[in-house]
Amino acid sequence: MNDKKFMLKLFAIATSFMYEAIAAIAIGYLIGLGLDRLFNLDTVLVIVFMIIGALAAVRNLMVRVYRLGVKKDDGENIS
């Protein structure tokens, strides 16, 4: 039963990662677009901020999976 909870938590983390990644990349795009227009640049800042958004989403995924693994290793109640 505990493994089933763990797998559901892992699935929830993976699902939320997809939404977070899309949102982070879209926000990075919009910020970069605004700054590119403000400073009359080509698409330099759009690309930079989209990459930063993607890296932030990956970092959040790694932190959540690490915390879930620590809870499982410690034998804590995963809820």
PDB file of N, CA and C in Angstrom:
ATOM      1  N   MET A   1       0.826  -1.197   0.000  1.00  0.00           N
ATOM      2  CA  MET A   1       0.000   0.000   0.000  1.00  0.00           C
ATOM      3  C   MET A   1       0.863   1.251   0.000  1.00  0.00           C
ATOM      4  N   ASN A   2       1.966   1.206   0.731  1.00  0.00           N
ATOM      5  CA  ASN A   2       2.847   2.363   0.812  1.00  0.00           C
ATOM      6  C   ASN A   2       3.533   2.637  -0.525  1.00  0.00           C
ATOM      7  N   ASP A   3       3.863   1.565  -1.255  1.00  0.00           N
ATOM      8  CA  ASP A   3       4.478   1.741  -2.574  1.00  0.00           C
ATOM      9  C   ASP A   3       3.499   2.363  -3.560  1.00  0.00           C
ATOM     10  N   LYS A   4       2.221   2.050  -3.388  1.00  0.00           N
ATOM     11  CA  LYS A   4       1.211   2.631  -4.262  1.00  0.00           C
ATOM     12  C   LYS A   4       1.110   4.140  -4.025  1.00  0.00           C
ATOM     13  N   LYS A   5       1.157   4.552  -2.756  1.00  0.00           N
ATOM     14  CA  LYS A   5       1.152   5.981  -2.438  1.00  0.00           C
ATOM     15  C   LYS A   5       2.377   6.673  -3.011  1.00  0.00           C
ATOM     16  N   PHE A   6       3.516   6.016  -2.895  1.00  0.00           N
ATOM     17  CA  PHE A   6       4.760   6.579  -3.421  1.00  0.00           C
ATOM     18  C   PHE A   6       4.679   6.765  -4.929  1.00  0.00           C
ATOM     19  N   MET A   7       4.157   5.776  -5.630  1.00  0.00           N
ATOM     20  CA  MET A   7       4.043   5.874  -7.084  1.00  0.00           C
ATOM     21  C   MET A   7       3.053   6.963  -7.491  1.00  0.00           C
ATOM     22  N   LEU A   8       1.964   7.109  -6.732  1.00  0.00           N
ATOM     23  CA  LEU A   8       1.007   8.175  -7.020  1.00  0.00           C
ATOM     24  C   LEU A   8       1.630   9.546  -6.801  1.00  0.00           C
ATOM     25  N   LYS A   9       2.420   9.683  -5.735  1.00  0.00           N
ATOM     26  CA  LYS A   9       3.116  10.948  -5.482  1.00  0.00           C
ATOM     27  C   LYS A   9       4.096  11.244  -6.619  1.00  0.00           C
ATOM     28  N   LEU A  10       4.807  10.229  -7.065  1.00  0.00           N
ATOM     29  CA  LEU A  10       5.761  10.400  -8.161  1.00  0.00           C
ATOM     30  C   LEU A  10       5.047  10.793  -9.446  1.00  0.00           C
ATOM     31  N   PHE A  11       3.909  10.197  -9.717  1.00  0.00           N
ATOM     32  CA  PHE A  11       3.111  10.549 -10.888  1.00  0.00           C
ATOM     33  C   PHE A  11       2.611  11.984 -10.786  1.00  0.00           C
ATOM     34  N   ALA A  12       2.187  12.385  -9.598  1.00  0.00           N
ATOM     35  CA  ALA A  12       1.717  13.759  -9.390  1.00  0.00           C
ATOM     36  C   ALA A  12       2.850  14.759  -9.616  1.00  0.00           C
ATOM     37  N   ILE A  13       4.046  14.421  -9.175  1.00  0.00           N
ATOM     38  CA  ILE A  13       5.201  15.299  -9.383  1.00  0.00           C
ATOM     39  C   ILE A  13       5.510  15.411 -10.869  1.00  0.00           C
ATOM     40  N   ALA A  14       5.481  14.307 -11.583  1.00  0.00           N
ATOM     41  CA  ALA A  14       5.772  14.331 -13.021  1.00  0.00           C
ATOM     42  C   ALA A  14       4.726  15.130 -13.780  1.00  0.00           C
ATOM     43  N   THR A  15       3.465  14.980 -13.392  1.00  0.00           N
ATOM     44  CA  THR A  15       2.402  15.721 -14.055  1.00  0.00           C
ATOM     45  C   THR A  15       2.528  17.217 -13.799  1.00  0.00           C
ATOM     46  N   SER A  16       2.787  17.573 -12.545  1.00  0.00           N
ATOM     47  CA  SER A  16       2.918  18.996 -12.236  1.00  0.00           C
ATOM     48  C   SER A  16       4.155  19.586 -12.907  1.00  0.00           C
ATOM     49  N   PHE A  17       5.190  18.763 -13.117  1.00  0.00           N
ATOM     50  CA  PHE A  17       6.383  19.248 -13.808  1.00  0.00           C
ATOM     51  C   PHE A  17       6.052  19.699 -15.224  1.00  0.00           C
ATOM     52  N   MET A  18       5.215  18.952 -15.906  1.00  0.00           N
ATOM     53  CA  MET A  18       4.863  19.325 -17.279  1.00  0.00           C
ATOM     54  C   MET A  18       4.176  20.692 -17.308  1.00  0.00           C
ATOM     55  N   TYR A  19       3.233  20.885 -16.391  1.00  0.00           N
ATOM     56  CA  TYR A  19       2.532  22.172 -16.347  1.00  0.00           C
ATOM     57  C   TYR A  19       3.467  23.308 -15.929  1.00  0.00           C
ATOM     58  N   GLU A  20       4.320  23.048 -14.957  1.00  0.00           N
ATOM     59  CA  GLU A  20       5.269  24.068 -14.515  1.00  0.00           C
ATOM     60  C   GLU A  20       6.245  24.432 -15.621  1.00  0.00           C
ATOM     61  N   ALA A  21       6.710  23.434 -16.369  1.00  0.00           N
ATOM     62  CA  ALA A  21       7.660  23.696 -17.446  1.00  0.00           C
ATOM     63  C   ALA A  21       7.015  24.553 -18.535  1.00  0.00           C
ATOM     64  N   ILE A  22       5.794  24.227 -18.901  1.00  0.00           N
ATOM     65  CA  ILE A  22       5.091  25.016 -19.921  1.00  0.00           C
ATOM     66  C   ILE A  22       4.886  26.440 -19.436  1.00  0.00           C
ATOM     67  N   ALA A  23       4.461  26.582 -18.181  1.00  0.00           N
ATOM     68  CA  ALA A  23       4.222  27.922 -17.631  1.00  0.00           C
ATOM     69  C   ALA A  23       5.522  28.715 -17.517  1.00  0.00           C
ATOM     70  N   ALA A  24       6.592  28.077 -17.055  1.00  0.00           N
ATOM     71  CA  ALA A  24       7.863  28.779 -16.881  1.00  0.00           C
ATOM     72  C   ALA A  24       8.436  29.230 -18.227  1.00  0.00           C
ATOM     73  N   ILE A  25       8.326  28.385 -19.237  1.00  0.00           N
ATOM     74  CA  ILE A  25       8.833  28.740 -20.555  1.00  0.00           C
ATOM     75  C   ILE A  25       7.984  29.858 -21.164  1.00  0.00           C
ATOM     76  N   ALA A  26       6.670  29.780 -20.976  1.00  0.00           N
ATOM     77  CA  ALA A  26       5.784  30.828 -21.509  1.00  0.00           C
ATOM     78  C   ALA A  26       6.035  32.165 -20.819  1.00  0.00           C
ATOM     79  N   ILE A  27       6.208  32.150 -19.512  1.00  0.00           N
ATOM     80  CA  ILE A  27       6.503  33.388 -18.787  1.00  0.00           C
ATOM     81  C   ILE A  27       7.855  33.944 -19.207  1.00  0.00           C
ATOM     82  N   GLY A  28       8.836  33.062 -19.370  1.00  0.00           N
ATOM     83  CA  GLY A  28      10.145  33.501 -19.853  1.00  0.00           C
ATOM     84  C   GLY A  28      10.065  34.118 -21.238  1.00  0.00           C
ATOM     85  N   TYR A  29       9.229  33.523 -22.076  1.00  0.00           N
ATOM     86  CA  TYR A  29       9.031  34.073 -23.427  1.00  0.00           C
ATOM     87  C   TYR A  29       8.450  35.484 -23.357  1.00  0.00           C
ATOM     88  N   LEU A  30       7.424  35.655 -22.532  1.00  0.00           N
ATOM     89  CA  LEU A  30       6.772  36.961 -22.437  1.00  0.00           C
ATOM     90  C   LEU A  30       7.692  38.022 -21.837  1.00  0.00           C
ATOM     91  N   ILE A  31       8.433  37.657 -20.810  1.00  0.00           N
ATOM     92  CA  ILE A  31       9.382  38.608 -20.217  1.00  0.00           C
ATOM     93  C   ILE A  31      10.464  38.960 -21.231  1.00  0.00           C
ATOM     94  N   GLY A  32      11.007  37.954 -21.890  1.00  0.00           N
ATOM     95  CA  GLY A  32      12.038  38.193 -22.892  1.00  0.00           C
ATOM     96  C   GLY A  32      11.538  39.031 -24.049  1.00  0.00           C
ATOM     97  N   LEU A  33      10.312  38.775 -24.479  1.00  0.00           N
ATOM     98  CA  LEU A  33       9.718  39.551 -25.568  1.00  0.00           C
ATOM     99  C   LEU A  33       9.576  41.020 -25.177  1.00  0.00           C
ATOM    100  N   GLY A  34       9.099  41.247 -23.969  1.00  0.00           N
ATOM    101  CA  GLY A  34       8.952  42.625 -23.493  1.00  0.00           C
ATOM    102  C   GLY A  34      10.286  43.340 -23.385  1.00  0.00           C
ATOM    103  N   LEU A  35      11.280  42.649 -22.861  1.00  0.00           N
ATOM    104  CA  LEU A  35      12.600  43.278 -22.729  1.00  0.00           C
ATOM    105  C   LEU A  35      13.278  43.473 -24.084  1.00  0.00           C
ATOM    106  N   ASP A  36      13.068  42.533 -25.002  1.00  0.00           N
ATOM    107  CA  ASP A  36      13.618  42.701 -26.351  1.00  0.00           C
ATOM    108  C   ASP A  36      13.020  43.923 -27.030  1.00  0.00           C
ATOM    109  N   ARG A  37      11.744  44.111 -26.872  1.00  0.00           N
ATOM    110  CA  ARG A  37      11.096  45.292 -27.455  1.00  0.00           C
ATOM    111  C   ARG A  37      11.555  46.570 -26.768  1.00  0.00           C
ATOM    112  N   LEU A  38      11.743  46.504 -25.450  1.00  0.00           N
ATOM    113  CA  LEU A  38      12.170  47.677 -24.692  1.00  0.00           C
ATOM    114  C   LEU A  38      13.576  48.121 -25.093  1.00  0.00           C
ATOM    115  N   PHE A  39      14.476  47.168 -25.273  1.00  0.00           N
ATOM    116  CA  PHE A  39      15.866  47.484 -25.599  1.00  0.00           C
ATOM    117  C   PHE A  39      16.183  47.356 -27.085  1.00  0.00           C
ATOM    118  N   ASN A  40      15.182  47.146 -27.921  1.00  0.00           N
ATOM    119  CA  ASN A  40      15.344  47.019 -29.373  1.00  0.00           C
ATOM    120  C   ASN A  40      16.365  45.944 -29.759  1.00  0.00           C
ATOM    121  N   LEU A  41      16.252  44.797 -29.124  1.00  0.00           N
ATOM    122  CA  LEU A  41      17.117  43.664 -29.454  1.00  0.00           C
ATOM    123  C   LEU A  41      16.341  42.705 -30.349  1.00  0.00           C
ATOM    124  N   ASP A  42      17.074  41.799 -30.963  1.00  0.00           N
ATOM    125  CA  ASP A  42      16.419  40.827 -31.837  1.00  0.00           C
ATOM    126  C   ASP A  42      15.605  39.858 -30.978  1.00  0.00           C
ATOM    127  N   THR A  43      16.014  38.631 -30.811  1.00  0.00           N
ATOM    128  CA  THR A  43      15.321  37.683 -29.935  1.00  0.00           C
ATOM    129  C   THR A  43      16.275  37.099 -28.899  1.00  0.00           C
ATOM    130  N   VAL A  44      17.264  37.885 -28.536  1.00  0.00           N
ATOM    131  CA  VAL A  44      18.286  37.393 -27.610  1.00  0.00           C
ATOM    132  C   VAL A  44      17.686  37.099 -26.240  1.00  0.00           C
ATOM    133  N   LEU A  45      16.967  38.049 -25.687  1.00  0.00           N
ATOM    134  CA  LEU A  45      16.445  37.875 -24.339  1.00  0.00           C
ATOM    135  C   LEU A  45      15.283  36.890 -24.279  1.00  0.00           C
ATOM    136  N   VAL A  46      14.568  36.726 -25.370  1.00  0.00           N
ATOM    137  CA  VAL A  46      13.502  35.708 -25.405  1.00  0.00           C
ATOM    138  C   VAL A  46      14.123  34.335 -25.188  1.00  0.00           C
ATOM    139  N   ILE A  47      15.185  34.046 -25.904  1.00  0.00           N
ATOM    140  CA  ILE A  47      15.853  32.751 -25.794  1.00  0.00           C
ATOM    141  C   ILE A  47      16.453  32.571 -24.407  1.00  0.00           C
ATOM    142  N   VAL A  48      17.098  33.610 -23.898  1.00  0.00           N
ATOM    143  CA  VAL A  48      17.738  33.528 -22.578  1.00  0.00           C
ATOM    144  C   VAL A  48      16.693  33.250 -21.495  1.00  0.00           C
ATOM    145  N   PHE A  49      15.589  33.987 -21.496  1.00  0.00           N
ATOM    146  CA  PHE A  49      14.592  33.808 -20.460  1.00  0.00           C
ATOM    147  C   PHE A  49      13.817  32.501 -20.608  1.00  0.00           C
ATOM    148  N   MET A  50      13.659  32.009 -21.816  1.00  0.00           N
ATOM    149  CA  MET A  50      13.025  30.704 -21.997  1.00  0.00           C
ATOM    150  C   MET A  50      13.923  29.599 -21.446  1.00  0.00           C
ATOM    151  N   ILE A  51      15.219  29.709 -21.653  1.00  0.00           N
ATOM    152  CA  ILE A  51      16.157  28.723 -21.106  1.00  0.00           C
ATOM    153  C   ILE A  51      16.166  28.791 -19.582  1.00  0.00           C
ATOM    154  N   ILE A  52      16.156  30.005 -19.031  1.00  0.00           N
ATOM    155  CA  ILE A  52      16.117  30.155 -17.573  1.00  0.00           C
ATOM    156  C   ILE A  52      14.841  29.537 -17.008  1.00  0.00           C
ATOM    157  N   GLY A  53      13.708  29.742 -17.674  1.00  0.00           N
ATOM    158  CA  GLY A  53      12.451  29.139 -17.231  1.00  0.00           C
ATOM    159  C   GLY A  53      12.495  27.621 -17.259  1.00  0.00           C
ATOM    160  N   ALA A  54      13.060  27.066 -18.310  1.00  0.00           N
ATOM    161  CA  ALA A  54      13.166  25.608 -18.411  1.00  0.00           C
ATOM    162  C   ALA A  54      14.087  25.050 -17.328  1.00  0.00           C
ATOM    163  N   LEU A  55      15.201  25.723 -17.084  1.00  0.00           N
ATOM    164  CA  LEU A  55      16.120  25.274 -16.038  1.00  0.00           C
ATOM    165  C   LEU A  55      15.488  25.366 -14.654  1.00  0.00           C
ATOM    166  N   ALA A  56      14.692  26.395 -14.424  1.00  0.00           N
ATOM    167  CA  ALA A  56      13.996  26.525 -13.139  1.00  0.00           C
ATOM    168  C   ALA A  56      13.000  25.385 -12.949  1.00  0.00           C
ATOM    169  N   ALA A  57      12.300  25.012 -14.000  1.00  0.00           N
ATOM    170  CA  ALA A  57      11.347  23.904 -13.904  1.00  0.00           C
ATOM    171  C   ALA A  57      12.063  22.581 -13.619  1.00  0.00           C
ATOM    172  N   VAL A  58      13.188  22.350 -14.264  1.00  0.00           N
ATOM    173  CA  VAL A  58      13.961  21.127 -14.028  1.00  0.00           C
ATOM    174  C   VAL A  58      14.500  21.105 -12.608  1.00  0.00           C
ATOM    175  N   ARG A  59      14.956  22.263 -12.120  1.00  0.00           N
ATOM    176  CA  ARG A  59      15.451  22.349 -10.753  1.00  0.00           C
ATOM    177  C   ARG A  59      14.345  22.025  -9.756  1.00  0.00           C
ATOM    178  N   ASN A  60      13.148  22.551  -9.972  1.00  0.00           N
ATOM    179  CA  ASN A  60      12.029  22.254  -9.084  1.00  0.00           C
ATOM    180  C   ASN A  60      11.688  20.770  -9.100  1.00  0.00           C
ATOM    181  N   LEU A  61      11.755  20.149 -10.264  1.00  0.00           N
ATOM    182  CA  LEU A  61      11.505  18.718 -10.365  1.00  0.00           C
ATOM    183  C   LEU A  61      12.525  17.935  -9.544  1.00  0.00           C
ATOM    184  N   MET A  62      13.786  18.284  -9.680  1.00  0.00           N
ATOM    185  CA  MET A  62      14.835  17.570  -8.957  1.00  0.00           C
ATOM    186  C   MET A  62      14.674  17.723  -7.447  1.00  0.00           C
ATOM    187  N   VAL A  63      14.318  18.910  -6.980  1.00  0.00           N
ATOM    188  CA  VAL A  63      14.123  19.130  -5.547  1.00  0.00           C
ATOM    189  C   VAL A  63      12.948  18.302  -5.037  1.00  0.00           C
ATOM    190  N   ARG A  64      11.845  18.278  -5.773  1.00  0.00           N
ATOM    191  CA  ARG A  64      10.679  17.501  -5.330  1.00  0.00           C
ATOM    192  C   ARG A  64      10.963  16.006  -5.293  1.00  0.00           C
ATOM    193  N   VAL A  65      11.636  15.500  -6.308  1.00  0.00           N
ATOM    194  CA  VAL A  65      11.963  14.066  -6.332  1.00  0.00           C
ATOM    195  C   VAL A  65      12.941  13.735  -5.217  1.00  0.00           C
ATOM    196  N   TYR A  66      13.893  14.600  -4.958  1.00  0.00           N
ATOM    197  CA  TYR A  66      14.847  14.374  -3.872  1.00  0.00           C
ATOM    198  C   TYR A  66      14.134  14.326  -2.527  1.00  0.00           C
ATOM    199  N   ARG A  67      13.233  15.289  -2.287  1.00  0.00           N
ATOM    200  CA  ARG A  67      12.501  15.312  -1.020  1.00  0.00           C
ATOM    201  C   ARG A  67      11.616  14.076  -0.865  1.00  0.00           C
ATOM    202  N   LEU A  68      11.005  13.641  -1.944  1.00  0.00           N
ATOM    203  CA  LEU A  68      10.182  12.444  -1.889  1.00  0.00           C
ATOM    204  C   LEU A  68      11.035  11.220  -1.577  1.00  0.00           C
ATOM    205  N   GLY A  69      12.224  11.153  -2.168  1.00  0.00           N
ATOM    206  CA  GLY A  69      13.139  10.045  -1.894  1.00  0.00           C
ATOM    207  C   GLY A  69      13.631  10.055  -0.467  1.00  0.00           C
ATOM    208  N   VAL A  70      13.901  11.227   0.087  1.00  0.00           N
ATOM    209  CA  VAL A  70      14.351  11.325   1.478  1.00  0.00           C
ATOM    210  C   VAL A  70      13.245  10.867   2.409  1.00  0.00           C
ATOM    211  N   LYS A  71      12.009  11.275   2.132  1.00  0.00           N
ATOM    212  CA  LYS A  71      10.884  10.843   2.970  1.00  0.00           C
ATOM    213  C   LYS A  71      10.710   9.341   2.912  1.00  0.00           C
ATOM    214  N   LYS A  72      10.881   8.753   1.717  1.00  0.00           N
ATOM    215  CA  LYS A  72      10.716   7.297   1.582  1.00  0.00           C
ATOM    216  C   LYS A  72      11.843   6.567   2.290  1.00  0.00           C
ATOM    217  N   ASP A  73      13.076   7.075   2.199  1.00  0.00           N
ATOM    218  CA  ASP A  73      14.212   6.439   2.858  1.00  0.00           C
ATOM    219  C   ASP A  73      14.118   6.522   4.374  1.00  0.00           C
ATOM    220  N   ASP A  74      13.593   7.626   4.874  1.00  0.00           N
ATOM    221  CA  ASP A  74      13.466   7.795   6.318  1.00  0.00           C
ATOM    222  C   ASP A  74      12.307   6.987   6.891  1.00  0.00           C
ATOM    223  N   GLY A  75      11.439   6.500   6.031  1.00  0.00           N
ATOM    224  CA  GLY A  75      10.300   5.724   6.478  1.00  0.00           C
ATOM    225  C   GLY A  75       9.172   6.578   7.010  1.00  0.00           C
ATOM    226  N   GLU A  76       9.200   7.858   6.670  1.00  0.00           N
ATOM    227  CA  GLU A  76       8.135   8.742   7.126  1.00  0.00           C
ATOM    228  C   GLU A  76       6.851   8.445   6.378  1.00  0.00           C
ATOM    229  N   ASN A  77       5.767   8.907   6.933  1.00  0.00           N
ATOM    230  CA  ASN A  77       4.468   8.767   6.272  1.00  0.00           C
ATOM    231  C   ASN A  77       4.425   9.714   5.096  1.00  0.00           C
ATOM    232  N   ILE A  78       4.250   9.201   3.896  1.00  0.00           N
ATOM    233  CA  ILE A  78       4.220  10.024   2.689  1.00  0.00           C
ATOM    234  C   ILE A  78       2.784  10.453   2.434  1.00  0.00           C
ATOM    235  N   SER A  79       2.476  11.654   2.875  1.00  0.00           N
ATOM    236  CA  SER A  79       1.124  12.158   2.643  1.00  0.00           C
ATOM    237  C   SER A  79       1.128  13.644   2.509  1.00  0.00           C
TER     238      SER A  79
END
